[in-house]
C-alpha atoms as a PDB file:
ATOM      1  CA  MET A   1     108.194 -67.710  -6.247  1.00  0.00           C
ATOM      2  CA  ARG A   2     109.689 -69.271  -3.136  1.00  0.00           C
ATOM      3  CA  PHE A   3     107.788 -70.334  -0.047  1.00  0.00           C
ATOM      4  CA  GLY A   4     108.555 -70.042   3.645  1.00  0.00           C
ATOM      5  CA  PHE A   5     106.829 -71.037   6.852  1.00  0.00           C
ATOM      6  CA  VAL A   6     106.668 -69.346  10.276  1.00  0.00           C
ATOM      7  CA  GLY A   7     107.015 -71.475  13.410  1.00  0.00           C
ATOM      8  CA  SER A   8     104.569 -69.287  15.303  1.00  0.00           C
ATOM      9  CA  PHE A   9     103.613 -71.509  18.259  1.00  0.00           C
ATOM     10  CA  GLY A  10     105.103 -74.423  20.174  1.00  0.00           C
ATOM     11  CA  SER A  11     107.854 -75.289  22.597  1.00  0.00           C
ATOM     12  CA  VAL A  12     111.340 -74.343  21.510  1.00  0.00           C
ATOM     13  CA  HIS A  13     112.002 -77.992  20.600  1.00  0.00           C
ATOM     14  CA  GLU A  14     108.779 -78.157  18.558  1.00  0.00           C
ATOM     15  CA  VAL A  15     109.658 -74.954  16.696  1.00  0.00           C
ATOM     16  CA  VAL A  16     113.107 -76.279  15.777  1.00  0.00           C
ATOM     17  CA  GLU A  17     111.519 -79.523  14.591  1.00  0.00           C
ATOM     18  CA  MET A  18     109.265 -77.432  12.332  1.00  0.00           C
ATOM     19  CA  ALA A  19     112.417 -75.979  10.782  1.00  0.00           C
ATOM     20  CA  VAL A  20     113.699 -79.475  10.065  1.00  0.00           C
ATOM     21  CA  ALA A  21     110.322 -80.468   8.626  1.00  0.00           C
ATOM     22  CA  THR A  22     110.243 -77.482   6.253  1.00  0.00           C
ATOM     23  CA  GLU A  23     113.432 -78.753   4.668  1.00  0.00           C
ATOM     24  CA  GLU A  24     112.175 -82.327   4.496  1.00  0.00           C
ATOM     25  CA  HIS A  25     108.888 -81.317   2.835  1.00  0.00           C
ATOM     26  CA  GLY A  26     110.059 -78.954   0.120  1.00  0.00           C
ATOM     27  CA  TRP A  27     109.741 -75.472   1.615  1.00  0.00           C
ATOM     28  CA  ASP A  28     112.325 -72.858   0.681  1.00  0.00           C
ATOM     29  CA  GLY A  29     112.548 -71.068   4.018  1.00  0.00           C
ATOM     30  CA  PHE A  30     111.864 -71.291   7.741  1.00  0.00           C
ATOM     31  CA  PHE A  31     111.150 -68.219   9.854  1.00  0.00           C
ATOM     32  CA  THR A  32     110.733 -67.610  13.538  1.00  0.00           C
ATOM     33  CA  TRP A  33     109.553 -64.263  14.998  1.00  0.00           C
ATOM     34  CA  ASP A  34     110.902 -61.541  17.256  1.00  0.00           C
ATOM     35  CA  GLY A  35     108.879 -60.476  20.284  1.00  0.00           C
ATOM     36  CA  VAL A  36     109.181 -60.178  24.059  1.00  0.00           C
ATOM     37  CA  ASP A  37     105.760 -59.562  25.651  1.00  0.00           C
ATOM     38  CA  LEU A  38     102.944 -59.769  23.136  1.00  0.00           C
ATOM     39  CA  GLY A  39      99.566 -60.605  24.611  1.00  0.00           C
ATOM     40  CA  GLY A  40     100.807 -63.504  26.700  1.00  0.00           C
ATOM     41  CA  MET A  41     102.312 -65.401  23.746  1.00  0.00           C
ATOM     42  CA  ASP A  42     105.277 -67.651  24.501  1.00  0.00           C
ATOM     43  CA  ALA A  43     108.198 -65.898  22.805  1.00  0.00           C
ATOM     44  CA  TRP A  44     111.545 -67.619  22.243  1.00  0.00           C
ATOM     45  CA  ASP A  45     114.769 -65.804  21.528  1.00  0.00           C
ATOM     46  CA  PRO A  46     114.959 -65.752  17.716  1.00  0.00           C
ATOM     47  CA  TRP A  47     118.746 -66.064  17.562  1.00  0.00           C
ATOM     48  CA  ALA A  48     118.759 -69.201  19.705  1.00  0.00           C
ATOM     49  CA  VAL A  49     116.028 -70.741  17.535  1.00  0.00           C
ATOM     50  CA  LEU A  50     117.836 -69.827  14.312  1.00  0.00           C
ATOM     51  CA  ALA A  51     121.181 -71.120  15.581  1.00  0.00           C
ATOM     52  CA  ALA A  52     119.580 -74.471  16.405  1.00  0.00           C
ATOM     53  CA  ALA A  53     117.786 -74.551  13.048  1.00  0.00           C
ATOM     54  CA  ALA A  54     121.027 -73.691  11.251  1.00  0.00           C
ATOM     55  CA  VAL A  55     122.812 -76.787  12.541  1.00  0.00           C
ATOM     56  CA  ARG A  56     119.785 -79.063  11.974  1.00  0.00           C
ATOM     57  CA  THR A  57     119.184 -78.045   8.339  1.00  0.00           C
ATOM     58  CA  GLU A  58     121.276 -77.768   5.193  1.00  0.00           C
ATOM     59  CA  ARG A  59     119.205 -76.058   2.490  1.00  0.00           C
ATOM     60  CA  VAL A  60     116.400 -73.775   3.687  1.00  0.00           C
ATOM     61  CA  THR A  61     116.714 -70.021   4.040  1.00  0.00           C
ATOM     62  CA  LEU A  62     116.444 -68.876   7.669  1.00  0.00           C
ATOM     63  CA  GLY A  63     115.157 -65.651   9.208  1.00  0.00           C
ATOM     64  CA  ALA A  64     112.558 -64.049  11.475  1.00  0.00           C
ATOM     65  CA  LEU A  65     109.379 -62.164  10.576  1.00  0.00           C
ATOM     66  CA  VAL A  66     110.314 -59.585  11.550  1.00  0.00           C
ATOM     67  CA  PHE A  67     113.259 -58.452  13.629  1.00  0.00           C
ATOM     68  CA  ALA A  68     112.297 -55.346  15.633  1.00  0.00           C
ATOM     69  CA  LEU A  69     115.453 -53.413  14.847  1.00  0.00           C
ATOM     70  CA  PRO A  70     114.838 -50.098  16.703  1.00  0.00           C
ATOM     71  CA  ARG A  71     114.936 -51.793  20.130  1.00  0.00           C
ATOM     72  CA  ARG A  72     118.194 -53.615  19.400  1.00  0.00           C
ATOM     73  CA  ARG A  73     121.814 -52.467  19.481  1.00  0.00           C
ATOM     74  CA  PRO A  74     122.734 -52.808  15.794  1.00  0.00           C
ATOM     75  CA  TRP A  75     126.400 -53.768  16.330  1.00  0.00           C
ATOM     76  CA  VAL A  76     125.329 -56.600  18.659  1.00  0.00           C
ATOM     77  CA  PHE A  77     122.599 -57.580  16.190  1.00  0.00           C
ATOM     78  CA  ALA A  78     125.205 -57.665  13.408  1.00  0.00           C
ATOM     79  CA  LYS A  79     127.451 -59.970  15.430  1.00  0.00           C
ATOM     80  CA  GLN A  80     124.548 -62.322  16.175  1.00  0.00           C
ATOM     81  CA  ALA A  81     123.550 -62.324  12.514  1.00  0.00           C
ATOM     82  CA  VAL A  82     127.027 -63.117  11.204  1.00  0.00           C
ATOM     83  CA  THR A  83     127.381 -65.952  13.725  1.00  0.00           C
ATOM     84  CA  VAL A  84     124.140 -67.607  12.573  1.00  0.00           C
ATOM     85  CA  ASP A  85     125.056 -66.873   8.957  1.00  0.00           C
ATOM     86  CA  HIS A  86     128.249 -68.910   9.366  1.00  0.00           C
ATOM     87  CA  LEU A  87     126.464 -71.693  11.248  1.00  0.00           C
ATOM     88  CA  SER A  88     124.034 -71.973   8.337  1.00  0.00           C
ATOM     89  CA  GLY A  89     126.619 -71.702   5.574  1.00  0.00           C
ATOM     90  CA  GLY A  90     125.245 -68.391   4.312  1.00  0.00           C
ATOM     91  CA  ARG A  91     121.500 -69.118   4.419  1.00  0.00           C
ATOM     92  CA  LEU A  92     120.395 -66.241   6.652  1.00  0.00           C
ATOM     93  CA  VAL A  93     118.189 -63.324   5.600  1.00  0.00           C
ATOM     94  CA  LEU A  94     117.246 -60.386   7.809  1.00  0.00           C
ATOM     95  CA  PRO A  95     113.627 -59.204   7.528  1.00  0.00           C
ATOM     96  CA  VAL A  96     113.596 -56.026   9.637  1.00  0.00           C
ATOM     97  CA  GLY A  97     111.002 -53.469  10.647  1.00  0.00           C
ATOM     98  CA  LEU A  98     109.988 -50.914  13.242  1.00  0.00           C
ATOM     99  CA  GLY A  99     108.563 -53.605  15.518  1.00  0.00           C
ATOM    100  CA  VAL A 100     105.163 -53.863  17.139  1.00  0.00           C
ATOM    101  CA  PRO A 101     104.515 -50.838  19.392  1.00  0.00           C
ATOM    102  CA  THR A 102     102.219 -52.916  21.631  1.00  0.00           C
ATOM    103  CA  ASP A 103     105.126 -55.184  22.612  1.00  0.00           C
ATOM    104  CA  ARG A 104     105.613 -54.286  26.257  1.00  0.00           C
ATOM    105  CA  ALA A 105     109.364 -54.537  25.749  1.00  0.00           C
ATOM    106  CA  VAL A 106     108.844 -51.064  24.272  1.00  0.00           C
ATOM    107  CA  ALA A 107     105.686 -49.833  25.991  1.00  0.00           C
ATOM    108  CA  SER A 108     106.746 -50.810  29.537  1.00  0.00           C
ATOM    109  CA  VAL A 109     110.433 -49.877  29.441  1.00  0.00           C
ATOM    110  CA  SER A 110     111.557 -46.293  29.931  1.00  0.00           C
ATOM    111  CA  GLY A 111     114.208 -45.127  27.506  1.00  0.00           C
ATOM    112  CA  GLU A 112     112.891 -47.142  24.577  1.00  0.00           C
ATOM    113  CA  ALA A 113     111.696 -45.330  21.450  1.00  0.00           C
ATOM    114  CA  ALA A 114     108.018 -44.716  22.148  1.00  0.00           C
ATOM    115  CA  THR A 115     107.005 -42.491  19.222  1.00  0.00           C
ATOM    116  CA  LEU A 116     106.782 -43.560  15.612  1.00  0.00           C
ATOM    117  CA  ARG A 117     109.215 -40.818  14.617  1.00  0.00           C
ATOM    118  CA  GLU A 118     111.897 -41.925  17.068  1.00  0.00           C
ATOM    119  CA  ARG A 119     111.456 -45.576  16.142  1.00  0.00           C
ATOM    120  CA  ALA A 120     111.889 -44.657  12.466  1.00  0.00           C
ATOM    121  CA  GLU A 121     115.016 -42.623  13.258  1.00  0.00           C
ATOM    122  CA  ARG A 122     116.517 -45.477  15.277  1.00  0.00           C
ATOM    123  CA  PHE A 123     115.597 -47.836  12.445  1.00  0.00           C
ATOM    124  CA  ASP A 124     117.511 -45.691   9.954  1.00  0.00           C
ATOM    125  CA  ASP A 125     120.524 -45.557  12.283  1.00  0.00           C
ATOM    126  CA  ALA A 126     120.520 -49.331  12.721  1.00  0.00           C
ATOM    127  CA  LEU A 127     120.215 -50.033   8.990  1.00  0.00           C
ATOM    128  CA  THR A 128     123.200 -47.807   8.301  1.00  0.00           C
ATOM    129  CA  VAL A 129     125.298 -49.583  10.940  1.00  0.00           C
ATOM    130  CA  LEU A 130     124.311 -53.019   9.636  1.00  0.00           C
ATOM    131  CA  ASP A 131     125.019 -52.123   6.035  1.00  0.00           C
ATOM    132  CA  ARG A 132     128.455 -50.755   6.907  1.00  0.00           C
ATOM    133  CA  SER A 133     129.354 -53.510   9.358  1.00  0.00           C
ATOM    134  CA  PHE A 134     129.112 -56.315   6.798  1.00  0.00           C
ATOM    135  CA  SER A 135     132.091 -54.909   4.870  1.00  0.00           C
ATOM    136  CA  GLY A 136     134.583 -55.928   7.561  1.00  0.00           C
ATOM    137  CA  GLU A 137     136.214 -52.500   7.292  1.00  0.00           C
ATOM    138  CA  ARG A 138     136.386 -49.877  10.028  1.00  0.00           C
ATOM    139  CA  PHE A 139     133.556 -47.398   9.719  1.00  0.00           C
ATOM    140  CA  ASP A 140     132.037 -44.263  11.185  1.00  0.00           C
ATOM    141  CA  VAL A 141     128.344 -43.411  11.442  1.00  0.00           C
ATOM    142  CA  GLN A 142     126.752 -40.166  12.594  1.00  0.00           C
ATOM    143  CA  GLY A 143     123.114 -41.046  13.116  1.00  0.00           C
ATOM    144  CA  HIS A 144     120.054 -39.484  14.699  1.00  0.00           C
ATOM    145  CA  HIS A 145     120.584 -41.210  18.048  1.00  0.00           C
ATOM    146  CA  LEU A 146     124.051 -42.766  17.881  1.00  0.00           C
ATOM    147  CA  THR A 147     127.599 -42.021  16.838  1.00  0.00           C
ATOM    148  CA  VAL A 148     130.006 -44.757  15.758  1.00  0.00           C
ATOM    149  CA  GLU A 149     133.716 -44.039  15.366  1.00  0.00           C
ATOM    150  CA  GLY A 150     136.176 -46.550  13.960  1.00  0.00           C
ATOM    151  CA  LEU A 151     134.171 -49.719  14.604  1.00  0.00           C
ATOM    152  CA  GLN A 152     135.151 -52.932  12.817  1.00  0.00           C
ATOM    153  CA  LEU A 153     133.164 -56.163  12.951  1.00  0.00           C
ATOM    154  CA  ARG A 154     134.802 -59.395  11.869  1.00  0.00           C
ATOM    155  CA  PRO A 155     134.371 -61.982  10.518  1.00  0.00           C
ATOM    156  CA  THR A 156     132.343 -60.863   7.540  1.00  0.00           C
ATOM    157  CA  PRO A 157     129.235 -62.756   6.348  1.00  0.00           C
ATOM    158  CA  VAL A 158     129.565 -65.859   4.208  1.00  0.00           C
ATOM    159  CA  PRO A 159     130.094 -64.891   0.521  1.00  0.00           C
ATOM    160  CA  ARG A 160     126.932 -65.308  -1.561  1.00  0.00           C
ATOM    161  CA  PRO A 161     126.793 -66.971  -4.998  1.00  0.00           C
ATOM    162  CA  ASP A 162     126.752 -63.539  -6.647  1.00  0.00           C
ATOM    163  CA  GLY A 163     130.072 -62.706  -4.986  1.00  0.00           C
ATOM    164  CA  SER A 164     128.657 -60.299  -2.400  1.00  0.00           C
ATOM    165  CA  ALA A 165     129.606 -60.694   1.259  1.00  0.00           C
ATOM    166  CA  ARG A 166     126.530 -59.310   2.964  1.00  0.00           C
ATOM    167  CA  ILE A 167     123.467 -60.770   4.614  1.00  0.00           C
ATOM    168  CA  PRO A 168     120.363 -59.725   2.651  1.00  0.00           C
ATOM    169  CA  LEU A 169     118.257 -57.089   4.400  1.00  0.00           C
ATOM    170  CA  TRP A 170     114.522 -57.342   3.723  1.00  0.00           C
ATOM    171  CA  VAL A 171     112.989 -54.089   4.951  1.00  0.00           C
ATOM    172  CA  VAL A 172     109.341 -53.514   5.804  1.00  0.00           C
ATOM    173  CA  GLY A 173     107.872 -50.756   3.657  1.00  0.00           C
ATOM    174  CA  SER A 174     104.469 -49.106   4.178  1.00  0.00           C
ATOM    175  CA  PHE A 175     102.981 -48.446   0.757  1.00  0.00           C
ATOM    176  CA  PRO A 176     102.625 -45.788  -0.589  1.00  0.00           C
ATOM    177  CA  SER A 177     104.664 -43.862   2.010  1.00  0.00           C
ATOM    178  CA  GLU A 178     107.578 -42.255   0.155  1.00  0.00           C
ATOM    179  CA  ARG A 179     109.838 -42.314   3.218  1.00  0.00           C
ATOM    180  CA  SER A 180     109.083 -45.887   4.274  1.00  0.00           C
ATOM    181  CA  MET A 181     109.195 -47.336   0.763  1.00  0.00           C
ATOM    182  CA  GLY A 182     112.273 -45.280  -0.110  1.00  0.00           C
ATOM    183  CA  ARG A 183     114.086 -46.790   2.867  1.00  0.00           C
ATOM    184  CA  ALA A 184     113.117 -50.326   1.864  1.00  0.00           C
ATOM    185  CA  ALA A 185     113.973 -49.875  -1.818  1.00  0.00           C
ATOM    186  CA  ARG A 186     117.631 -49.183  -0.988  1.00  0.00           C
ATOM    187  CA  PHE A 187     118.255 -52.662   0.363  1.00  0.00           C
ATOM    188  CA  ASP A 188     117.897 -56.282  -0.774  1.00  0.00           C
ATOM    189  CA  GLY A 189     114.205 -56.918  -0.365  1.00  0.00           C
ATOM    190  CA  VAL A 190     110.922 -55.227   0.474  1.00  0.00           C
ATOM    191  CA  VAL A 191     108.320 -56.611   2.869  1.00  0.00           C
ATOM    192  CA  PRO A 192     105.374 -54.455   1.778  1.00  0.00           C
ATOM    193  CA  GLN A 193     102.337 -53.607   3.854  1.00  0.00           C
ATOM    194  CA  HIS A 194      99.506 -51.126   3.590  1.00  0.00           C
ATOM    195  CA  ARG A 195      99.959 -47.785   5.271  1.00  0.00           C
ATOM    196  CA  GLY A 196      98.151 -46.789   8.463  1.00  0.00           C
ATOM    197  CA  ALA A 197      94.897 -48.424   9.548  1.00  0.00           C
ATOM    198  CA  ARG A 198      95.074 -51.011   6.736  1.00  0.00           C
ATOM    199  CA  ALA A 199      98.509 -52.289   7.761  1.00  0.00           C
ATOM    200  CA  MET A 200      97.197 -55.760   8.607  1.00  0.00           C
ATOM    201  CA  ASP A 201      95.137 -56.173   5.417  1.00  0.00           C
ATOM    202  CA  PRO A 202      96.593 -58.629   2.869  1.00  0.00           C
ATOM    203  CA  LEU A 203      97.936 -57.239  -0.382  1.00  0.00           C
ATOM    204  CA  THR A 204      96.033 -58.052  -3.552  1.00  0.00           C
ATOM    205  CA  PRO A 205      97.794 -58.862  -6.839  1.00  0.00           C
ATOM    206  CA  GLN A 206      97.021 -55.292  -7.965  1.00  0.00           C
ATOM    207  CA  ASP A 207      98.648 -53.947  -4.790  1.00  0.00           C
ATOM    208  CA  VAL A 208     101.722 -56.085  -5.415  1.00  0.00           C
ATOM    209  CA  ALA A 209     101.996 -54.907  -9.011  1.00  0.00           C
ATOM    210  CA  GLU A 210     101.920 -51.294  -7.811  1.00  0.00           C
ATOM    211  CA  VAL A 211     104.592 -52.003  -5.192  1.00  0.00           C
ATOM    212  CA  VAL A 212     106.829 -53.733  -7.745  1.00  0.00           C
ATOM    213  CA  ALA A 213     106.468 -50.840 -10.183  1.00  0.00           C
ATOM    214  CA  TRP A 214     107.275 -48.322  -7.421  1.00  0.00           C
ATOM    215  CA  VAL A 215     110.388 -50.216  -6.340  1.00  0.00           C
ATOM    216  CA  ARG A 216     111.662 -50.538  -9.915  1.00  0.00           C
ATOM    217  CA  GLU A 217     111.207 -46.808 -10.473  1.00  0.00           C
ATOM    218  CA  HIS A 218     112.875 -45.693  -7.239  1.00  0.00           C
ATOM    219  CA  ARG A 219     115.530 -48.341  -6.655  1.00  0.00           C
ATOM    220  CA  PRO A 220     119.157 -47.283  -7.358  1.00  0.00           C
ATOM    221  CA  ALA A 221     120.109 -48.229 -10.914  1.00  0.00           C
ATOM    222  CA  ASP A 222     123.144 -50.261  -9.837  1.00  0.00           C
ATOM    223  CA  ALA A 223     121.381 -52.127  -7.024  1.00  0.00           C
ATOM    224  CA  GLY A 224     120.018 -55.055  -9.033  1.00  0.00           C
ATOM    225  CA  PRO A 225     116.639 -56.725  -8.441  1.00  0.00           C
ATOM    226  CA  ALA A 226     115.008 -56.773  -5.009  1.00  0.00           C
ATOM    227  CA  ASP A 227     112.931 -59.512  -3.450  1.00  0.00           C
ATOM    228  CA  VAL A 228     109.275 -58.713  -2.768  1.00  0.00           C
ATOM    229  CA  VAL A 229     108.264 -60.708   0.285  1.00  0.00           C
ATOM    230  CA  LEU A 230     104.649 -61.313   1.303  1.00  0.00           C
ATOM    231  CA  HIS A 231     103.380 -63.115   4.371  1.00  0.00           C
ATOM    232  CA  GLY A 232     100.002 -64.237   5.644  1.00  0.00           C
ATOM    233  CA  ALA A 233      97.832 -67.322   5.978  1.00  0.00           C
ATOM    234  CA  LEU A 234      97.566 -69.423   2.844  1.00  0.00           C
ATOM    235  CA  PRO A 235      94.083 -70.773   2.076  1.00  0.00           C
ATOM    236  CA  ALA A 236      93.611 -74.221   3.587  1.00  0.00           C
ATOM    237  CA  ASP A 237      92.347 -75.610   0.279  1.00  0.00           C
ATOM    238  CA  ARG A 238      95.348 -76.594  -1.823  1.00  0.00           C
ATOM    239  CA  GLY A 239      93.814 -75.494  -5.112  1.00  0.00           C
ATOM    240  CA  ALA A 240      92.797 -72.125  -3.696  1.00  0.00           C
ATOM    241  CA  ALA A 241      96.271 -71.673  -2.210  1.00  0.00           C
ATOM    242  CA  ARG A 242      97.878 -72.389  -5.576  1.00  0.00           C
ATOM    243  CA  GLU A 243      95.630 -69.895  -7.370  1.00  0.00           C
ATOM    244  CA  HIS A 244      96.270 -67.274  -4.684  1.00  0.00           C
ATOM    245  CA  VAL A 245     100.047 -67.392  -4.858  1.00  0.00           C
ATOM    246  CA  ALA A 246     100.099 -67.794  -8.655  1.00  0.00           C
ATOM    247  CA  ALA A 247      98.357 -64.433  -8.997  1.00  0.00           C
ATOM    248  CA  LEU A 248     100.786 -62.807  -6.546  1.00  0.00           C
ATOM    249  CA  ALA A 249     103.770 -64.303  -8.363  1.00  0.00           C
ATOM    250  CA  GLU A 250     102.436 -63.024 -11.680  1.00  0.00           C
ATOM    251  CA  ALA A 251     102.256 -59.558 -10.117  1.00  0.00           C
ATOM    252  CA  GLY A 252     105.942 -59.763  -9.152  1.00  0.00           C
ATOM    253  CA  ALA A 253     106.134 -61.200  -5.623  1.00  0.00           C
ATOM    254  CA  THR A 254     109.194 -63.432  -5.153  1.00  0.00           C
ATOM    255  CA  TRP A 255     108.435 -64.923  -1.703  1.00  0.00           C
ATOM    256  CA  PHE A 256     105.304 -65.924   0.184  1.00  0.00           C
ATOM    257  CA  VAL A 257     105.712 -66.893   3.836  1.00  0.00           C
ATOM    258  CA  ASP A 258     102.828 -68.867   5.351  1.00  0.00           C
ATOM    259  CA  ALA A 259     102.165 -67.357   8.792  1.00  0.00           C
ATOM    260  CA  LEU A 260      99.378 -68.449  11.158  1.00  0.00           C
ATOM    261  CA  TRP A 261      98.759 -66.376  14.294  1.00  0.00           C
ATOM    262  CA  ASP A 262      95.497 -67.662  15.807  1.00  0.00           C
ATOM    263  CA  PRO A 263      96.523 -69.651  18.915  1.00  0.00           C
ATOM    264  CA  ALA A 264      93.179 -71.460  18.923  1.00  0.00           C
ATOM    265  CA  THR A 265      93.881 -73.151  15.595  1.00  0.00           C
ATOM    266  CA  ALA A 266      97.646 -72.802  15.064  1.00  0.00           C
ATOM    267  CA  THR A 267      98.583 -75.445  17.589  1.00  0.00           C
ATOM    268  CA  PRO A 268     102.028 -77.051  17.269  1.00  0.00           C
ATOM    269  CA  GLU A 269     100.378 -80.195  15.923  1.00  0.00           C
ATOM    270  CA  ALA A 270      98.392 -78.248  13.338  1.00  0.00           C
ATOM    271  CA  LEU A 271     101.438 -76.254  12.266  1.00  0.00           C
ATOM    272  CA  LEU A 272     103.541 -79.378  11.803  1.00  0.00           C
ATOM    273  CA  ALA A 273     100.756 -81.046   9.825  1.00  0.00           C
ATOM    274  CA  ARG A 274     100.603 -77.993   7.560  1.00  0.00           C
ATOM    275  CA  VAL A 275     104.370 -78.052   7.050  1.00  0.00           C
ATOM    276  CA  ARG A 276     104.192 -81.720   6.057  1.00  0.00           C
ATOM    277  CA  GLN A 277     101.683 -80.885   3.308  1.00  0.00           C
ATOM    278  CA  GLY A 278     104.463 -78.961   1.599  1.00  0.00           C
ATOM    279  CA  PRO A 279     104.196 -75.601  -0.150  1.00  0.00           C
ATOM    280  CA  PRO A 280     101.883 -74.862  -3.093  1.00  0.00           C
ATOM    281  CA  VAL A 281     103.138 -76.185  -6.422  1.00  0.00           C
ATOM    282  CA  LEU A 282     103.025 -73.621  -9.214  1.00  0.00           C
END
C-alpha cells in the first residue's frame, strides 16, 4: 500500500510547502483538492498548486482529490494535465468524480449541470475525451452533450515505466451501483465510496474486499490491475493507524490518502506536523 496526504487548509505557499514535506518525510503522494465555493473554505486553483509542487518535488505522485470533471471543459483539462505531467516528469494521476453538488460553482451558475443524471452524462463525455486525447492522434467523439471532430492534443503525456503514454485516471465509483462502478472499472483506478446516503461513511475492510472482487470480475480482461484508492482521516494514534491501513491493504486497497477536513483542528500547523510524522509503516 502507498500513502498520500491532502493539503486541505493553508495559504497557497503553506500548501506547496506541505507537498515538499511529504517527499521529505516518506509519503508516496501529495494531493490538493478541486473546489470553488464550498462553505467559505479558501480554495486555490489545483493546477497552479500542482504545477508549483511539480517543480519543488522529484519523487511523490501528485493529484487532487477529486477533480470535478463535469464542470470542466475536458480538452482544456487534458492540456492542463499534460503540462503538469511534463513538469513533474510523469508523476501526475487524475482522481476524477462528479464533483460536490453543493459547490456554488454549480448551484449558483446557470448552464451548469444541475441534475445527477446530467452530471453523470457530462462525466462520461469528459472521460471519453480525456482517454482519447492522451493518444496524440486526431479523434472524434459523439457524446451526450458534446461533439468533437478531428481534435488532436499534443504533446502526449510522459511515457510510464510500463510503456504506456497516458496519465492514470482514478475514477470515483459508488458501490454497488452497476453504472458508477462499471464506469470506474474501465480505467486505471477506482476511488470507491458507498452509494447514496452513506457516501461519506468510511469503507471497512469487508467493503474493500467486496469492491476489489467486483472490479476483478467486471474489469476488461486486457486492462491489467487497477488501483483501489481510499481516503479519509487516519487515526491519530500511530499503532491504531498502522492496524487500520494493514487491514485495508489485506483486503486489496493499494492507496490510502490521509485527508483532514475539520477547519477547527486541521490548521496549517497541525497538517504540517502530521506530514512530518510520516506515513504508517506496514
